């Protein structure tokens, strides 16, 4: 009993890991773990039963959190845009623009992936849309299957780091920082990462040109002014929507929640203009949005129960002592934390990582003097790998669901097209996981990439401020009428 009482926090953490690895639903694993060890702590005399009276107020606090409203707004916006055919129009037009150059379709996929990320923010929608539309074209014209599948999966995951990212909303909430600042800090790293993806395809076209050929002339149906006009018609609506959402947030006109609401309204207007808005589409989007929002809230409630008990048994002090005693100070802490996040991403998705791990790391990072906005963006880039990890990456599963599982006859060319194997999808993802890890290292080495997007205000040390009160002559030879 003495051993249990002295080590309740680490035992609680180990049991939680066992719960998660067993496949038990995360929200219930967190809540059950918290309740179980809360009762054990009460039985051992370490905790008082009154501790659990704080739970109702914390749960209602989650429900009253305005910041979290941005999640259903942005999710709904993304689903409406995905179902309204915006991805198809973008891929078709941008593919024609880049078609004459080697790797043109791959470049188009990256560009469209970045645009979809800035409008939809939903990985599943981006990967599935681009997999359905561009993968058959890439296979038809001789792209290597690993290159084709890798670029689609990686471009879809840009939705996790390019604002309005759901990851950044959750991370900002857990770190107690502004979502707008988190978005501003993530812009330059996100664009840099996108350029790295482009650079990788450029290298492929140089050293393995047969892996990413240009579109043949017969496949380029639009040319000249007709193509330019079509590109403008297709590109203007999503760019207007991006400004409506992100522009108003960065200019301080709207909060992220208000920006999400405007984005959802804008998505409905775009769908209506394209005559794609229907009751069926609305029902599907609202159903998916409700499920995702309930999923997030339940995990957050479970994490609240776990966090309440974990802190009550001094678990936060245990984690702080564990991480602050690492050799190397800040750099040692950052290296260990990023390795830990990378390994946990093999088994947990970004919601679980954000709700379980970040609340434990944030106080330690703050104590070490690490800027939490920079820290949040860094973790966001690292958690992006959770979608690309073989064998459990969700982006790989999404692509596997729409990739051809057997050989088929292409209707346009009449040629037999081979299937895409799971192994080819996994190997295609590996270079992009490496690129993402390189990006983590670059952000650590050059924090200015994040800080450049933030407004810098001069900090004032309030302890050095002195207030001088002028003497007032009250008459009668005394400066204070209350003397004597």
Protein backbone atom coordinates (compact mmCIF):
# COMPACT_ATOMS: atom_id res chain seq x y z
CA UNK A 1 0.00 0.00 0.00
CA UNK A 2 2.85 2.38 0.79
CA UNK A 3 4.39 1.75 -2.65
CA UNK A 4 0.99 2.38 -4.30
CA UNK A 5 0.44 5.59 -2.34
CA UNK A 6 3.95 6.88 -3.13
CA UNK A 7 3.73 6.11 -6.87
CA UNK A 8 0.06 6.62 -7.67
CA UNK A 9 0.73 9.19 -10.45
CA UNK A 10 3.15 7.04 -12.54
CA UNK A 11 0.97 3.94 -12.01
CA UNK A 12 -2.06 5.94 -13.17
CA UNK A 13 -0.22 7.01 -16.32
CA UNK A 14 0.96 3.46 -17.10
CA UNK A 15 -2.58 2.08 -16.66
CA UNK A 16 -3.91 4.76 -19.03
CA UNK A 17 -1.37 3.70 -21.68
CA UNK A 18 -2.47 0.07 -21.24
CA UNK A 19 -6.12 1.14 -21.63
CA UNK A 20 -5.32 2.99 -24.87
CA UNK A 21 -3.23 0.17 -26.34
CA UNK A 22 -6.06 -2.29 -25.62
CA UNK A 23 -8.26 -0.43 -28.11
CA UNK A 24 -10.78 0.73 -25.49
CA UNK A 25 -12.54 3.96 -26.60
CA UNK A 26 -10.32 6.88 -25.63
CA UNK A 27 -12.98 9.08 -24.01
CA UNK A 28 -14.17 6.27 -21.74
CA UNK A 29 -10.61 5.07 -21.04
CA UNK A 30 -9.69 8.53 -19.79
CA UNK A 31 -12.81 8.95 -17.66
CA UNK A 32 -12.69 5.39 -16.24
CA UNK A 33 -9.00 5.75 -15.40
CA UNK A 34 -9.64 9.03 -13.61
CA UNK A 35 -12.61 7.68 -11.63
CA UNK A 36 -10.81 4.45 -10.70
CA UNK A 37 -7.70 6.15 -9.36
CA UNK A 38 -9.77 8.86 -7.74
CA UNK A 39 -11.54 6.16 -5.70
CA UNK A 40 -8.21 4.46 -4.95
CA UNK A 41 -6.79 7.80 -3.78
CA UNK A 42 -9.79 8.36 -1.51
CA UNK A 43 -9.44 4.84 -0.09
CA UNK A 44 -5.73 5.43 0.62
CA UNK A 45 -6.50 8.75 2.29
CA UNK A 46 -4.62 10.78 -0.33
CA UNK A 47 -7.73 12.50 -1.72
CA UNK A 48 -10.94 13.86 -0.26
CA UNK A 49 -14.34 12.86 -1.73
CA UNK A 50 -15.12 16.55 -2.22
CA UNK A 51 -12.67 16.48 -5.16
CA UNK A 52 -15.33 15.02 -7.46
CA UNK A 53 -17.65 17.93 -6.74
CA UNK A 54 -15.46 20.00 -9.06
CA UNK A 55 -16.37 17.80 -12.03
CA UNK A 56 -19.83 19.22 -12.90
CA UNK A 57 -18.49 22.76 -13.06
CA UNK A 58 -15.59 21.65 -15.29
CA UNK A 59 -17.90 19.74 -17.64
CA UNK A 60 -20.23 22.73 -17.95
CA UNK A 61 -17.12 24.87 -18.54
CA UNK A 62 -16.32 22.71 -21.59
CA UNK A 63 -19.85 23.14 -22.91
CA UNK A 64 -19.63 26.92 -22.41
CA UNK A 65 -16.23 27.24 -24.14
CA UNK A 66 -16.80 29.58 -27.11
CA UNK A 67 -13.46 28.67 -28.70
CA UNK A 68 -14.57 25.08 -29.28
CA UNK A 69 -17.53 26.33 -31.36
CA UNK A 70 -15.03 26.86 -34.17
CA UNK A 71 -14.71 23.06 -34.55
CA UNK A 72 -18.30 22.38 -35.78
CA UNK A 73 -18.27 25.58 -37.88
CA UNK A 74 -15.06 24.69 -39.75
CA UNK A 75 -16.02 21.03 -40.04
CA UNK A 76 -19.41 21.92 -41.51
CA UNK A 77 -17.79 24.41 -43.91
CA UNK A 78 -15.34 21.76 -45.11
CA UNK A 79 -17.96 19.09 -45.63
CA UNK A 80 -20.24 21.42 -47.60
CA UNK A 81 -17.38 22.52 -49.85
CA UNK A 82 -16.18 18.94 -50.36
CA UNK A 83 -19.65 17.76 -51.36
CA UNK A 84 -20.32 20.77 -53.58
CA UNK A 85 -17.66 19.66 -56.08
CA UNK A 86 -15.08 22.38 -55.42
CA UNK A 87 -12.23 19.83 -55.23
CA UNK A 88 -13.14 18.33 -58.61
CA UNK A 89 -13.18 21.73 -60.31
CA UNK A 90 -9.89 22.78 -58.75
CA UNK A 91 -8.08 19.53 -59.59
CA UNK A 92 -9.33 19.51 -63.17
CA UNK A 93 -8.39 23.15 -63.86
CA UNK A 94 -5.06 23.24 -61.98
CA UNK A 95 -4.14 19.88 -63.52
CA UNK A 96 -4.63 21.42 -66.98
CA UNK A 97 -2.49 24.43 -65.99
CA UNK A 98 0.43 22.30 -64.77
CA UNK A 99 -0.16 19.50 -67.29
CA UNK A 100 2.57 20.39 -69.84
CA UNK A 101 5.40 20.03 -67.28
CA UNK A 102 6.78 16.84 -65.71
CA UNK A 103 5.05 16.03 -62.46
CA UNK A 104 2.32 18.51 -63.37
CA UNK A 105 -0.53 16.53 -61.81
CA UNK A 106 1.51 16.02 -58.64
CA UNK A 107 2.14 19.77 -58.43
CA UNK A 108 -1.58 20.36 -58.98
CA UNK A 109 -2.43 17.93 -56.17
CA UNK A 110 -0.11 19.78 -53.74
CA UNK A 111 -1.51 23.18 -54.77
CA UNK A 112 -5.11 22.01 -54.51
CA UNK A 113 -4.33 20.23 -51.22
CA UNK A 114 -3.09 23.53 -49.78
CA UNK A 115 -6.18 25.38 -51.06
CA UNK A 116 -8.52 22.73 -49.68
CA UNK A 117 -6.64 22.87 -46.36
CA UNK A 118 -7.20 26.62 -46.18
CA UNK A 119 -10.91 26.24 -46.93
CA UNK A 120 -12.02 22.87 -45.58
CA UNK A 121 -9.51 21.94 -42.87
CA UNK A 122 -10.69 18.32 -43.01
CA UNK A 123 -8.09 15.64 -43.87
CA UNK A 124 -10.59 12.92 -44.81
CA UNK A 125 -12.40 15.17 -47.29
CA UNK A 126 -9.15 16.29 -48.96
CA UNK A 127 -7.56 12.84 -49.26
CA UNK A 128 -10.70 11.07 -50.46
CA UNK A 129 -11.56 13.79 -52.98
CA UNK A 130 -8.07 13.91 -54.47
CA UNK A 131 -7.78 10.12 -54.37
CA UNK A 132 -11.01 9.66 -56.32
CA UNK A 133 -10.24 12.35 -58.89
CA UNK A 134 -6.48 12.55 -59.44
CA UNK A 135 -5.26 9.01 -58.64
CA UNK A 136 -6.94 7.41 -61.72
CA UNK A 137 -5.48 10.17 -63.94
CA UNK A 138 -1.99 9.69 -62.51
CA UNK A 139 -2.20 5.92 -63.00
CA UNK A 140 -3.58 6.38 -66.52
CA UNK A 141 -0.58 8.43 -67.64
CA UNK A 142 2.14 6.32 -66.06
CA UNK A 143 2.89 7.82 -62.64
CA UNK A 144 4.75 5.58 -60.21
CA UNK A 145 2.19 4.28 -57.72
CA UNK A 146 4.30 5.22 -54.69
CA UNK A 147 4.75 8.79 -55.92
CA UNK A 148 1.04 9.13 -56.78
CA UNK A 149 -0.27 7.74 -53.49
CA UNK A 150 2.32 9.56 -51.36
CA UNK A 151 1.65 13.01 -52.79
CA UNK A 152 -2.13 12.61 -52.40
CA UNK A 153 -1.92 11.46 -48.77
CA UNK A 154 0.66 14.11 -47.83
CA UNK A 155 -1.21 16.98 -49.52
CA UNK A 156 -4.37 15.97 -47.68
CA UNK A 157 -2.61 16.22 -44.31
CA UNK A 158 -1.76 19.87 -44.97
CA UNK A 159 -5.24 20.49 -43.57
CA UNK A 160 -3.77 19.80 -40.12
CA UNK A 161 -1.25 22.65 -40.14
CA UNK A 162 -2.63 25.24 -42.61
CA UNK A 163 -5.26 27.44 -40.88
CA UNK A 164 -8.15 26.99 -40.23
CA UNK A 165 -6.78 23.74 -38.80
CA UNK A 166 -8.79 21.83 -36.21
CA UNK A 167 -5.50 20.71 -34.63
CA UNK A 168 -4.44 24.30 -33.97
CA UNK A 169 -7.83 25.13 -32.39
CA UNK A 170 -7.48 22.23 -29.94
CA UNK A 171 -3.80 22.95 -29.23
CA UNK A 172 -4.51 26.64 -28.59
CA UNK A 173 -7.35 25.74 -26.23
CA UNK A 174 -5.20 23.25 -24.31
CA UNK A 175 -2.29 25.71 -24.06
CA UNK A 176 -4.55 28.56 -23.01
CA UNK A 177 -3.48 30.73 -25.94
CA UNK A 178 -5.31 32.65 -28.67
CA UNK A 179 -6.41 30.63 -31.71
CA UNK A 180 -5.75 33.68 -33.89
CA UNK A 181 -2.13 33.85 -32.68
CA UNK A 182 -1.72 30.12 -33.25
CA UNK A 183 -3.03 30.53 -36.80
CA UNK A 184 -0.70 33.47 -37.47
CA UNK A 185 2.30 31.57 -36.12
CA UNK A 186 1.55 28.51 -38.26
CA UNK A 187 1.25 30.30 -41.62
CA UNK A 188 4.96 30.50 -42.57
CA UNK A 189 5.88 26.96 -41.40
CA UNK A 190 2.83 25.58 -43.24
CA UNK A 191 3.78 27.31 -46.49
CA UNK A 192 7.41 26.21 -46.05
CA UNK A 193 6.29 22.60 -45.60
CA UNK A 194 4.18 22.88 -48.77
CA UNK A 195 7.24 24.14 -50.66
CA UNK A 196 9.24 21.15 -49.38
CA UNK A 197 6.61 18.84 -50.88
CA UNK A 198 6.96 20.69 -54.19
CA UNK A 199 10.74 20.43 -53.93
CA UNK A 200 10.54 16.67 -53.43
CA UNK A 201 8.46 16.27 -56.62
CA UNK A 202 10.95 18.48 -58.49
CA UNK A 203 13.77 16.14 -57.40
CA UNK A 204 11.73 13.13 -58.53
CA UNK A 205 11.19 14.68 -61.98
CA UNK A 206 14.93 15.36 -62.27
CA UNK A 207 16.30 12.00 -61.10
CA UNK A 208 13.37 9.73 -62.00
CA UNK A 209 11.49 11.51 -64.83
CA UNK A 210 9.57 8.35 -65.76
CA UNK A 211 7.97 8.34 -62.28
CA UNK A 212 6.08 11.60 -62.90
CA UNK A 213 5.56 12.30 -66.64
CA UNK A 214 3.82 15.29 -68.19
CA UNK A 215 0.29 15.00 -69.50
CA UNK A 216 0.24 14.03 -73.20
CA UNK A 217 -1.12 16.69 -75.61
CA UNK A 218 -4.38 14.76 -76.17
CA UNK A 219 -5.14 14.94 -72.44
CA UNK A 220 -4.84 18.74 -72.31
CA UNK A 221 -8.30 19.74 -73.50
CA UNK A 222 -8.19 23.42 -72.47
CA UNK A 223 -5.57 25.90 -73.66
CA UNK A 224 -4.81 29.60 -73.90
CA UNK A 225 -7.37 32.21 -72.86
CA UNK A 226 -10.09 29.63 -72.34
CA UNK A 227 -7.95 27.88 -69.71
CA UNK A 228 -7.00 31.19 -68.07
CA UNK A 229 -10.65 32.27 -67.74
CA UNK A 230 -11.62 28.85 -66.39
CA UNK A 231 -8.80 29.02 -63.83
CA UNK A 232 -9.93 32.45 -62.63
CA UNK A 233 -13.56 31.31 -62.33
CA UNK A 234 -12.53 28.25 -60.32
CA UNK A 235 -9.90 29.94 -58.12
CA UNK A 236 -11.69 33.14 -57.13
CA UNK A 237 -14.47 31.63 -54.93
CA UNK A 238 -12.14 29.62 -52.61
CA UNK A 239 -9.69 32.55 -52.39
CA UNK A 240 -12.56 34.87 -51.41
CA UNK A 241 -13.65 32.33 -48.80
CA UNK A 242 -10.10 32.08 -47.45
CA UNK A 243 -10.01 35.86 -47.02
CA UNK A 244 -13.48 35.85 -45.49
CA UNK A 245 -12.32 33.37 -42.84
CA UNK A 246 -8.59 33.90 -42.27
CA UNK A 247 -8.37 37.51 -43.41
CA UNK A 248 -10.98 38.69 -40.93
CA UNK A 249 -9.30 36.69 -38.13
CA UNK A 250 -5.80 38.06 -38.85
CA UNK A 251 -7.10 41.63 -39.25
CA UNK A 252 -8.81 41.38 -35.88
CA UNK A 253 -12.28 41.94 -37.36
CA UNK A 254 -13.58 38.53 -36.25
CA UNK A 255 -12.70 35.91 -33.65
CA UNK A 256 -11.90 32.39 -34.91
CA UNK A 257 -15.39 31.31 -33.87
CA UNK A 258 -16.99 34.16 -35.80
CA UNK A 259 -14.66 33.45 -38.74
CA UNK A 260 -15.82 29.83 -38.71
CA UNK A 261 -19.46 30.94 -38.73
CA UNK A 262 -18.80 33.24 -41.71
CA UNK A 263 -16.95 30.40 -43.45
CA UNK A 264 -19.90 28.04 -42.94
CA UNK A 265 -22.29 30.66 -44.34
CA UNK A 266 -19.92 31.31 -47.25
CA UNK A 267 -19.72 27.59 -48.03
CA UNK A 268 -23.52 27.40 -48.17
CA UNK A 269 -23.61 30.40 -50.54
CA UNK A 270 -20.97 28.83 -52.83
CA UNK A 271 -22.86 25.52 -52.88
CA UNK A 272 -26.07 27.40 -53.70
CA UNK A 273 -24.35 29.33 -56.53
CA UNK A 274 -23.16 26.03 -58.02
CA UNK A 275 -26.69 24.60 -57.61
CA UNK A 276 -25.33 21.77 -55.48
CA UNK A 277 -27.09 22.69 -52.23
CA UNK A 278 -29.79 20.19 -51.35
CA UNK A 279 -31.52 18.81 -48.29
CA UNK A 280 -29.57 15.56 -48.67
CA UNK A 281 -26.23 17.40 -48.73
CA UNK A 282 -27.20 19.45 -45.68
CA UNK A 283 -28.30 16.35 -43.80
CA UNK A 284 -25.04 14.48 -44.54
CA UNK A 285 -22.87 17.47 -43.56
CA UNK A 286 -24.80 18.13 -40.35
CA UNK A 287 -24.73 14.45 -39.42
CA UNK A 288 -20.94 14.19 -39.88
CA UNK A 289 -20.36 17.50 -38.08
CA UNK A 290 -22.45 16.37 -35.10
CA UNK A 291 -20.57 13.07 -34.85
CA UNK A 292 -17.14 14.73 -34.96
CA UNK A 293 -18.12 17.43 -32.47
CA UNK A 294 -19.58 14.88 -30.04
CA UNK A 295 -16.39 12.81 -30.44
CA UNK A 296 -14.22 15.82 -29.52
CA UNK A 297 -16.38 16.88 -26.57
CA UNK A 298 -16.53 13.36 -25.11
CA UNK A 299 -12.73 13.04 -25.31
CA UNK A 300 -12.39 16.45 -23.66
CA UNK A 301 -14.76 15.45 -20.84
CA UNK A 302 -12.81 12.22 -20.31
CA UNK A 303 -9.52 14.16 -20.34
CA UNK A 304 -10.96 16.58 -17.76
CA UNK A 305 -11.81 13.70 -15.38
CA UNK A 306 -8.35 12.21 -15.85
CA UNK A 307 -6.59 15.57 -15.49
CA UNK A 308 -8.48 16.47 -12.31
CA UNK A 309 -7.43 13.29 -10.49
CA UNK A 310 -3.92 13.20 -12.04
CA UNK A 311 -3.17 16.69 -10.71
CA UNK A 312 -4.74 15.85 -7.36
CA UNK A 313 -2.22 13.01 -6.88
CA UNK A 314 0.61 15.40 -7.95
CA UNK A 315 0.95 13.84 -11.38
CA UNK A 316 1.76 17.23 -12.90
CA UNK A 317 4.68 17.63 -10.47
CA UNK A 318 5.89 14.13 -11.34
CA UNK A 319 5.84 14.92 -15.07
CA UNK A 320 7.48 18.31 -14.46
CA UNK A 321 10.29 16.76 -12.39
CA UNK A 322 10.74 14.03 -15.00
CA UNK A 323 11.06 16.45 -17.92
CA UNK A 324 12.94 19.33 -16.26
CA UNK A 325 15.64 16.95 -15.03
CA UNK A 326 16.48 15.88 -18.59
CA UNK A 327 20.03 16.72 -19.74
CA UNK A 328 20.35 19.56 -22.22
CA UNK A 329 17.80 21.99 -20.75
CA UNK A 330 15.34 23.38 -23.33
CA UNK A 331 16.92 21.54 -26.26
CA UNK A 332 16.92 18.22 -24.39
CA UNK A 333 13.27 18.75 -23.42
CA UNK A 334 12.27 19.57 -27.02
CA UNK A 335 14.13 16.56 -28.46
CA UNK A 336 12.59 14.11 -25.97
CA UNK A 337 9.09 15.59 -26.31
CA UNK A 338 9.17 15.46 -30.12
CA UNK A 339 10.47 11.89 -30.15
CA UNK A 340 7.70 10.95 -27.69
CA UNK A 341 4.99 12.66 -29.78
CA UNK A 342 6.33 11.00 -32.95
CA UNK A 343 6.22 7.53 -31.36
CA UNK A 344 2.80 8.05 -29.75
CA UNK A 345 1.47 9.15 -33.15
CA UNK A 346 1.90 5.55 -34.33
CA UNK A 347 -1.02 4.61 -32.05
CA UNK A 348 -2.98 7.79 -31.25
CA UNK A 349 -4.58 10.40 -33.49
CA UNK A 350 -4.09 14.12 -33.03
CA UNK A 351 -7.22 14.64 -30.87
CA UNK A 352 -6.02 12.08 -28.35
CA UNK A 353 -2.48 13.47 -28.35
CA UNK A 354 -3.77 17.02 -27.88
CA UNK A 355 -6.09 16.18 -24.99
CA UNK A 356 -3.84 13.72 -23.14
CA UNK A 357 -0.23 14.80 -23.71
CA UNK A 358 -0.29 18.58 -24.25
CA UNK A 359 -1.85 19.46 -20.84
CA UNK A 360 1.04 17.55 -19.22
CA UNK A 361 3.73 19.23 -21.36
CA UNK A 362 2.47 22.83 -21.35
CA UNK A 363 3.35 23.72 -17.71
CA UNK A 364 6.86 22.30 -18.13
CA UNK A 365 7.42 24.22 -21.39
CA UNK A 366 6.16 27.41 -19.74
CA UNK A 367 8.48 26.91 -16.75
CA UNK A 368 11.46 26.45 -19.11
CA UNK A 369 10.63 29.79 -20.73
CA UNK A 370 9.41 28.34 -24.04
CA UNK A 371 6.91 30.47 -25.95
CA UNK A 372 3.69 28.43 -25.95
CA UNK A 373 2.52 29.66 -29.37
CA UNK A 374 5.80 28.48 -30.90
CA UNK A 375 5.57 25.24 -28.89
CA UNK A 376 2.01 24.65 -30.10
CA UNK A 377 2.92 25.13 -33.77
CA UNK A 378 5.91 22.80 -33.33
CA UNK A 379 3.71 20.08 -31.81
CA UNK A 380 1.11 20.65 -34.53
CA UNK A 381 3.68 19.91 -37.25
CA UNK A 382 4.83 16.81 -35.37
CA UNK A 383 1.27 15.56 -34.78
CA UNK A 384 0.66 15.91 -38.51
CA UNK A 385 2.81 12.78 -38.90
CA UNK A 386 0.10 10.80 -37.08
CA UNK A 387 -1.90 10.87 -40.33
CA UNK A 388 1.03 9.56 -42.37
CA UNK A 389 2.56 6.87 -40.14
CA UNK A 390 2.52 3.38 -41.58
CA UNK A 391 0.72 1.24 -40.58
CA UNK A 392 -1.93 3.27 -38.67
CA UNK A 393 -1.98 6.63 -40.50
CA UNK A 394 -5.56 7.72 -41.12
CA UNK A 395 -4.66 9.47 -44.40
CA UNK A 396 -3.30 6.14 -45.66
CA UNK A 397 -6.54 4.39 -44.66
CA UNK A 398 -8.60 7.06 -46.44
CA UNK A 399 -6.53 6.64 -49.61
CA UNK A 400 -6.66 2.85 -49.37
CA UNK A 401 -10.48 3.05 -49.30
CA UNK A 402 -10.62 4.77 -52.72
CA UNK A 403 -7.50 3.34 -54.44
CA UNK A 404 -8.10 0.50 -56.95
CA UNK A 405 -7.80 -2.87 -55.18
CA UNK A 406 -7.68 -4.89 -58.40
CA UNK A 407 -6.55 -4.45 -62.01
CA UNK A 408 -9.10 -2.64 -64.19
CA UNK A 409 -9.60 -1.47 -67.78
CA UNK A 410 -9.30 2.29 -68.23
CA UNK A 411 -12.32 3.59 -70.16
CA UNK A 412 -10.45 6.44 -71.90
CA UNK A 413 -7.21 4.80 -73.03
CA UNK A 414 -8.50 1.22 -73.16
CA UNK A 415 -5.36 0.08 -71.32
CA UNK A 416 -5.22 -2.29 -68.40
CA UNK A 417 -4.31 -0.41 -65.19
CA UNK A 418 -2.70 -2.27 -62.31
CA UNK A 419 -3.99 -2.10 -58.75
CA UNK A 420 -2.42 0.03 -55.99
CA UNK A 421 -1.16 -2.16 -53.14
CA UNK A 422 -1.13 -1.22 -49.46
CA UNK A 423 2.66 -1.56 -49.47
CA UNK A 424 2.96 1.00 -52.28
CA UNK A 425 0.79 3.45 -50.30
CA UNK A 426 2.97 2.95 -47.19
CA UNK A 427 6.25 3.39 -49.07
CA UNK A 428 4.85 6.46 -50.81
CA UNK A 429 4.19 8.05 -47.41
CA UNK A 430 7.70 7.52 -46.00
CA UNK A 431 9.45 10.46 -47.81
CA UNK A 432 6.78 12.87 -46.59
CA UNK A 433 7.06 11.67 -42.98
CA UNK A 434 10.81 12.36 -43.26
CA UNK A 435 10.06 15.82 -44.72
CA UNK A 436 7.71 16.56 -41.81
CA UNK A 437 10.40 15.53 -39.30
CA UNK A 438 12.91 17.76 -41.09
CA UNK A 439 10.39 20.59 -40.76
CA UNK A 440 10.19 19.94 -36.99
CA UNK A 441 13.98 20.29 -36.79
CA UNK A 442 13.92 23.51 -38.85
CA UNK A 443 11.26 25.10 -36.59
CA UNK A 444 13.39 24.21 -33.53
CA UNK A 445 16.52 25.65 -35.18
CA UNK A 446 14.77 28.74 -36.57
CA UNK A 447 11.94 29.83 -34.22
CA UNK A 448 11.68 33.04 -36.27
CA UNK A 449 9.58 31.07 -38.77
CA UNK A 450 6.76 31.08 -36.22
CA UNK A 451 7.50 34.39 -34.53
CA UNK A 452 7.55 36.26 -37.88
CA UNK A 453 3.81 35.73 -38.22
CA UNK A 454 3.03 37.21 -34.81
CA UNK A 455 2.64 40.84 -33.81
CA UNK A 456 5.42 41.76 -31.42
CA UNK A 457 4.50 43.99 -28.54
CA UNK A 458 7.07 45.49 -26.20
CA UNK A 459 6.83 43.76 -22.85
CA UNK A 460 6.84 45.95 -19.75
CA UNK A 461 8.21 44.67 -16.46
CA UNK A 462 5.56 45.86 -14.00
CA UNK A 463 7.90 45.35 -11.03
CA UNK A 464 10.03 48.28 -12.21
CA UNK A 465 7.14 50.75 -12.41
CA UNK A 466 7.02 53.43 -9.72
CA UNK A 467 4.11 55.79 -9.23
CA UNK A 468 4.86 59.31 -8.06
CA UNK A 469 2.08 61.07 -6.18
CA UNK A 470 2.41 64.86 -6.28
CA UNK A 471 2.27 66.70 -2.99
CA UNK A 472 -0.75 68.94 -2.54
CA UNK A 473 -0.68 71.93 -0.28
CA UNK A 474 -3.79 71.74 1.85
CA UNK A 475 -2.98 75.01 3.64
CA UNK A 476 -2.27 75.57 7.31
CA UNK A 477 1.37 74.63 6.78
CA UNK A 478 0.60 70.92 6.41
CA UNK A 479 0.55 68.79 3.28
CA UNK A 480 -1.93 66.38 4.88
CA UNK A 481 -5.11 67.58 6.59
CA UNK A 482 -5.36 64.30 8.48
CA UNK A 483 -2.05 64.73 10.30
CA UNK A 484 -2.32 65.00 14.03
